[in-house]
N, C-alpha and C. Protein backbone atom coordinates (compact mmCIF):
# COMPACT_ATOMS: atom_id res chain seq x y z
N UNK A 1 -7.83 -28.52 -0.02
CA UNK A 1 -7.85 -27.08 0.16
C UNK A 1 -7.23 -26.40 -1.07
N UNK A 2 -7.88 -25.39 -1.58
CA UNK A 2 -7.38 -24.75 -2.79
C UNK A 2 -6.29 -23.73 -2.47
N UNK A 3 -5.47 -23.48 -3.47
CA UNK A 3 -4.41 -22.49 -3.34
C UNK A 3 -4.98 -21.10 -3.59
N UNK A 4 -4.44 -20.10 -2.91
CA UNK A 4 -4.89 -18.72 -3.09
C UNK A 4 -4.48 -18.20 -4.46
N UNK A 5 -5.33 -17.39 -5.06
CA UNK A 5 -4.94 -16.70 -6.29
C UNK A 5 -3.97 -15.58 -5.90
N UNK A 6 -3.26 -15.05 -6.88
CA UNK A 6 -2.35 -13.95 -6.59
C UNK A 6 -3.11 -12.74 -6.05
N UNK A 7 -4.28 -12.47 -6.60
CA UNK A 7 -5.09 -11.37 -6.07
C UNK A 7 -5.40 -11.58 -4.59
N UNK A 8 -5.83 -12.77 -4.23
CA UNK A 8 -6.17 -13.06 -2.84
C UNK A 8 -4.96 -12.93 -1.93
N UNK A 9 -3.82 -13.37 -2.41
CA UNK A 9 -2.59 -13.27 -1.63
C UNK A 9 -2.22 -11.81 -1.40
N UNK A 10 -2.34 -11.01 -2.44
CA UNK A 10 -2.07 -9.57 -2.32
C UNK A 10 -3.03 -8.94 -1.30
N UNK A 11 -4.31 -9.29 -1.40
CA UNK A 11 -5.29 -8.74 -0.45
C UNK A 11 -4.93 -9.11 0.98
N UNK A 12 -4.52 -10.36 1.20
CA UNK A 12 -4.16 -10.80 2.55
C UNK A 12 -2.94 -10.05 3.07
N UNK A 13 -1.94 -9.85 2.22
CA UNK A 13 -0.74 -9.14 2.64
C UNK A 13 -1.05 -7.69 2.98
N UNK A 14 -1.87 -7.04 2.16
CA UNK A 14 -2.25 -5.65 2.44
C UNK A 14 -3.06 -5.58 3.73
N UNK A 15 -3.95 -6.52 3.92
CA UNK A 15 -4.77 -6.55 5.15
C UNK A 15 -3.91 -6.72 6.39
N UNK A 16 -2.75 -7.34 6.24
CA UNK A 16 -1.87 -7.61 7.38
C UNK A 16 -0.97 -6.43 7.75
N UNK A 17 -0.94 -5.38 6.94
CA UNK A 17 -0.12 -4.20 7.28
C UNK A 17 -0.78 -3.51 8.46
N UNK A 18 -0.06 -3.39 9.58
CA UNK A 18 -0.70 -2.79 10.76
C UNK A 18 -0.92 -1.28 10.61
N UNK A 19 -1.89 -0.73 11.34
CA UNK A 19 -2.09 0.72 11.34
C UNK A 19 -0.78 1.43 11.72
N UNK A 20 -0.50 2.53 11.06
CA UNK A 20 0.71 3.30 11.34
C UNK A 20 1.94 2.76 10.64
N UNK A 21 1.76 1.78 9.77
CA UNK A 21 2.86 1.19 9.01
C UNK A 21 2.51 1.23 7.53
N UNK A 22 3.53 1.17 6.68
CA UNK A 22 3.32 1.15 5.24
C UNK A 22 4.19 0.07 4.61
N UNK A 23 3.85 -0.27 3.38
CA UNK A 23 4.65 -1.18 2.57
C UNK A 23 4.63 -0.65 1.14
N UNK A 24 5.65 -0.98 0.38
CA UNK A 24 5.67 -0.56 -1.01
C UNK A 24 5.03 -1.64 -1.88
N UNK A 25 4.68 -1.24 -3.09
CA UNK A 25 4.13 -2.19 -4.05
C UNK A 25 5.12 -3.34 -4.26
N UNK A 26 6.39 -2.99 -4.37
CA UNK A 26 7.43 -4.01 -4.57
C UNK A 26 7.56 -4.95 -3.38
N UNK A 27 7.45 -4.43 -2.18
CA UNK A 27 7.53 -5.29 -1.00
C UNK A 27 6.36 -6.27 -0.96
N UNK A 28 5.18 -5.81 -1.30
CA UNK A 28 4.02 -6.70 -1.34
C UNK A 28 4.26 -7.79 -2.39
N UNK A 29 4.76 -7.40 -3.56
CA UNK A 29 5.03 -8.38 -4.62
C UNK A 29 6.06 -9.41 -4.15
N UNK A 30 7.12 -8.97 -3.50
CA UNK A 30 8.15 -9.90 -3.00
C UNK A 30 7.57 -10.83 -1.95
N UNK A 31 6.79 -10.28 -1.03
CA UNK A 31 6.18 -11.10 0.02
C UNK A 31 5.24 -12.16 -0.58
N UNK A 32 4.63 -11.82 -1.71
CA UNK A 32 3.71 -12.75 -2.38
C UNK A 32 4.47 -13.81 -3.18
N UNK A 33 5.79 -13.61 -3.34
CA UNK A 33 6.59 -14.56 -4.11
C UNK A 33 6.73 -14.19 -5.56
N UNK A 34 6.36 -12.96 -5.91
CA UNK A 34 6.45 -12.47 -7.29
C UNK A 34 7.22 -11.15 -7.29
N UNK A 35 8.54 -11.21 -7.12
CA UNK A 35 9.32 -9.99 -6.90
C UNK A 35 9.30 -8.97 -8.04
N UNK A 36 8.92 -9.35 -9.22
CA UNK A 36 8.91 -8.40 -10.33
C UNK A 36 7.49 -7.98 -10.72
N UNK A 37 6.57 -8.06 -9.78
CA UNK A 37 5.17 -7.78 -10.07
C UNK A 37 4.61 -6.58 -9.29
N UNK A 38 5.42 -5.58 -9.03
CA UNK A 38 4.95 -4.41 -8.29
C UNK A 38 3.79 -3.73 -9.01
N UNK A 39 3.86 -3.63 -10.32
CA UNK A 39 2.77 -2.99 -11.07
C UNK A 39 1.49 -3.81 -10.98
N UNK A 40 1.63 -5.11 -10.92
CA UNK A 40 0.46 -5.98 -10.77
C UNK A 40 -0.22 -5.70 -9.43
N UNK A 41 0.58 -5.50 -8.39
CA UNK A 41 0.03 -5.15 -7.08
C UNK A 41 -0.76 -3.84 -7.20
N UNK A 42 -0.17 -2.86 -7.87
CA UNK A 42 -0.86 -1.59 -8.07
C UNK A 42 -2.17 -1.74 -8.82
N UNK A 43 -2.17 -2.55 -9.86
CA UNK A 43 -3.40 -2.78 -10.63
C UNK A 43 -4.46 -3.49 -9.78
N UNK A 44 -4.00 -4.44 -8.97
CA UNK A 44 -4.93 -5.16 -8.10
C UNK A 44 -5.60 -4.19 -7.13
N UNK A 45 -4.83 -3.30 -6.54
CA UNK A 45 -5.39 -2.33 -5.60
C UNK A 45 -6.25 -1.29 -6.32
N UNK A 46 -5.85 -0.93 -7.52
CA UNK A 46 -6.62 0.05 -8.29
C UNK A 46 -8.03 -0.47 -8.59
N UNK A 47 -8.16 -1.77 -8.71
CA UNK A 47 -9.44 -2.37 -9.08
C UNK A 47 -10.30 -2.79 -7.89
N UNK A 48 -9.92 -2.37 -6.69
CA UNK A 48 -10.75 -2.67 -5.52
C UNK A 48 -12.06 -1.89 -5.60
N UNK A 49 -13.12 -2.44 -5.04
CA UNK A 49 -14.37 -1.67 -5.01
C UNK A 49 -14.21 -0.41 -4.15
N UNK A 50 -14.94 0.62 -4.47
CA UNK A 50 -14.83 1.90 -3.75
C UNK A 50 -15.11 1.77 -2.27
N UNK A 51 -15.96 0.82 -1.89
CA UNK A 51 -16.33 0.68 -0.48
C UNK A 51 -15.51 -0.39 0.26
N UNK A 52 -14.35 -0.73 -0.27
CA UNK A 52 -13.52 -1.77 0.33
C UNK A 52 -13.07 -1.40 1.75
N UNK A 53 -12.94 -2.40 2.57
CA UNK A 53 -12.39 -2.20 3.91
C UNK A 53 -10.90 -2.50 3.97
N UNK A 54 -10.34 -2.91 2.84
CA UNK A 54 -8.91 -3.22 2.77
C UNK A 54 -8.09 -1.94 2.94
N UNK A 55 -7.06 -1.93 3.77
CA UNK A 55 -6.29 -0.70 4.01
C UNK A 55 -5.31 -0.39 2.87
N UNK A 56 -5.83 -0.16 1.68
CA UNK A 56 -5.03 0.13 0.49
C UNK A 56 -4.13 1.34 0.70
N UNK A 57 -4.57 2.25 1.58
CA UNK A 57 -3.82 3.49 1.79
C UNK A 57 -2.45 3.25 2.42
N UNK A 58 -2.21 2.07 2.94
CA UNK A 58 -0.92 1.75 3.56
C UNK A 58 0.12 1.27 2.55
N UNK A 59 -0.23 1.25 1.27
CA UNK A 59 0.71 0.83 0.24
C UNK A 59 1.15 2.06 -0.55
N UNK A 60 2.46 2.25 -0.63
CA UNK A 60 3.04 3.44 -1.27
C UNK A 60 4.11 3.00 -2.28
N UNK A 61 4.66 3.96 -3.00
CA UNK A 61 5.69 3.61 -3.98
C UNK A 61 7.07 3.50 -3.31
N UNK A 62 8.04 3.07 -4.08
CA UNK A 62 9.39 2.81 -3.56
C UNK A 62 10.09 4.08 -3.08
N UNK A 63 9.62 5.25 -3.51
CA UNK A 63 10.21 6.51 -3.06
C UNK A 63 9.64 6.97 -1.73
N UNK A 64 8.68 6.20 -1.20
CA UNK A 64 8.07 6.56 0.07
C UNK A 64 6.94 7.56 -0.09
N UNK A 65 6.31 7.56 -1.26
CA UNK A 65 5.25 8.52 -1.55
C UNK A 65 3.99 7.80 -2.03
N UNK A 66 2.84 8.42 -1.84
CA UNK A 66 1.65 7.92 -2.52
C UNK A 66 1.86 8.05 -4.03
N UNK A 67 1.29 7.15 -4.79
CA UNK A 67 1.50 7.17 -6.24
C UNK A 67 0.52 8.05 -7.00
N UNK A 68 -0.45 8.60 -6.31
CA UNK A 68 -1.43 9.47 -6.96
C UNK A 68 -0.82 10.85 -7.22
N UNK A 69 -1.33 11.58 -8.22
CA UNK A 69 -0.88 12.97 -8.41
C UNK A 69 -1.14 13.77 -7.14
N UNK A 70 -0.20 14.62 -6.77
CA UNK A 70 -0.24 15.33 -5.49
C UNK A 70 -1.50 16.17 -5.26
N UNK A 71 -2.11 16.69 -6.27
CA UNK A 71 -3.29 17.54 -6.09
C UNK A 71 -4.60 16.77 -6.22
N UNK A 72 -4.51 15.45 -6.37
CA UNK A 72 -5.73 14.66 -6.60
C UNK A 72 -6.45 14.35 -5.28
N UNK A 73 -7.76 14.14 -5.35
CA UNK A 73 -8.51 13.74 -4.16
C UNK A 73 -8.00 12.42 -3.58
N UNK A 74 -7.57 11.49 -4.42
CA UNK A 74 -7.07 10.20 -3.94
C UNK A 74 -5.78 10.39 -3.13
N UNK A 75 -4.89 11.27 -3.58
CA UNK A 75 -3.66 11.57 -2.84
C UNK A 75 -4.01 12.14 -1.46
N UNK A 76 -4.91 13.12 -1.46
CA UNK A 76 -5.29 13.75 -0.18
C UNK A 76 -5.92 12.74 0.77
N UNK A 77 -6.77 11.86 0.24
CA UNK A 77 -7.40 10.84 1.07
C UNK A 77 -6.36 9.88 1.65
N UNK A 78 -5.44 9.42 0.81
CA UNK A 78 -4.41 8.51 1.30
C UNK A 78 -3.55 9.18 2.36
N UNK A 79 -3.14 10.39 2.11
CA UNK A 79 -2.31 11.11 3.08
C UNK A 79 -3.06 11.34 4.39
N UNK A 80 -4.32 11.75 4.30
CA UNK A 80 -5.13 11.97 5.52
C UNK A 80 -5.26 10.69 6.34
N UNK A 81 -5.52 9.57 5.66
CA UNK A 81 -5.66 8.30 6.38
C UNK A 81 -4.35 7.88 7.05
N UNK A 82 -3.24 8.06 6.35
CA UNK A 82 -1.95 7.69 6.93
C UNK A 82 -1.60 8.60 8.11
N UNK A 83 -1.80 9.89 7.96
CA UNK A 83 -1.50 10.82 9.05
C UNK A 83 -2.40 10.55 10.25
N UNK A 84 -3.65 10.16 10.02
CA UNK A 84 -4.56 9.82 11.12
C UNK A 84 -4.05 8.60 11.91
N UNK A 85 -3.25 7.77 11.25
CA UNK A 85 -2.67 6.59 11.91
C UNK A 85 -1.31 6.89 12.51
N UNK A 86 -0.86 8.15 12.41
CA UNK A 86 0.42 8.54 13.00
C UNK A 86 1.61 8.50 12.06
N UNK A 87 1.38 8.22 10.80
CA UNK A 87 2.47 8.21 9.82
C UNK A 87 2.84 9.66 9.51
N UNK A 88 4.13 9.95 9.53
CA UNK A 88 4.62 11.31 9.33
C UNK A 88 5.21 11.45 7.93
N UNK A 89 4.82 12.53 7.25
CA UNK A 89 5.40 12.88 5.96
C UNK A 89 6.45 13.94 6.19
N UNK A 90 7.61 13.78 5.59
CA UNK A 90 8.66 14.78 5.65
C UNK A 90 9.03 15.11 4.21
N UNK A 91 8.78 16.35 3.81
CA UNK A 91 8.98 16.76 2.41
C UNK A 91 8.21 15.86 1.45
N UNK A 92 7.01 15.49 1.84
CA UNK A 92 6.15 14.69 0.98
C UNK A 92 6.44 13.20 0.96
N UNK A 93 7.38 12.77 1.78
CA UNK A 93 7.77 11.35 1.79
C UNK A 93 7.62 10.74 3.18
N UNK A 94 7.51 9.42 3.17
CA UNK A 94 7.41 8.64 4.40
C UNK A 94 8.70 7.85 4.56
N UNK A 95 9.25 7.86 5.75
CA UNK A 95 10.46 7.08 6.01
C UNK A 95 10.09 5.59 6.09
N UNK A 96 10.58 4.82 5.14
CA UNK A 96 10.33 3.38 5.16
C UNK A 96 11.07 2.72 6.32
N UNK A 97 12.17 3.32 6.71
CA UNK A 97 12.91 2.79 7.86
C UNK A 97 12.09 2.90 9.14
N UNK A 98 11.43 4.02 9.30
CA UNK A 98 10.66 4.28 10.52
C UNK A 98 9.26 3.66 10.48
N UNK A 99 8.59 3.71 9.32
CA UNK A 99 7.20 3.31 9.23
C UNK A 99 6.95 2.04 8.40
N UNK A 100 8.03 1.45 7.88
CA UNK A 100 7.87 0.26 7.04
C UNK A 100 7.37 -0.94 7.82
N UNK A 101 6.51 -1.72 7.18
CA UNK A 101 5.94 -2.90 7.80
C UNK A 101 6.83 -4.13 7.61
N UNK A 102 7.62 -4.14 6.55
CA UNK A 102 8.45 -5.33 6.25
C UNK A 102 9.91 -5.00 6.37
């Protein structure tokens, strides 16, 4: 049996985040065994196909915010998807204590 690539491991970890929960790029990197690879996680998610079924919207930055510029369509889409799952934003941030997956 072959070992998973880091990309595949990241995809599996993101797929495992339940609806209504979030994880940070750094948490995904730590769970994958690469604690200093948060940016790599971001690049991996950035390169997903547009029609992906992976719940990329459940991954946020360490400040509890989407990493997209606030006025961008991607920010609005991520926020809409999270709010539809019951995630609450307070002053533009998500409580990792309340909504964190890990």
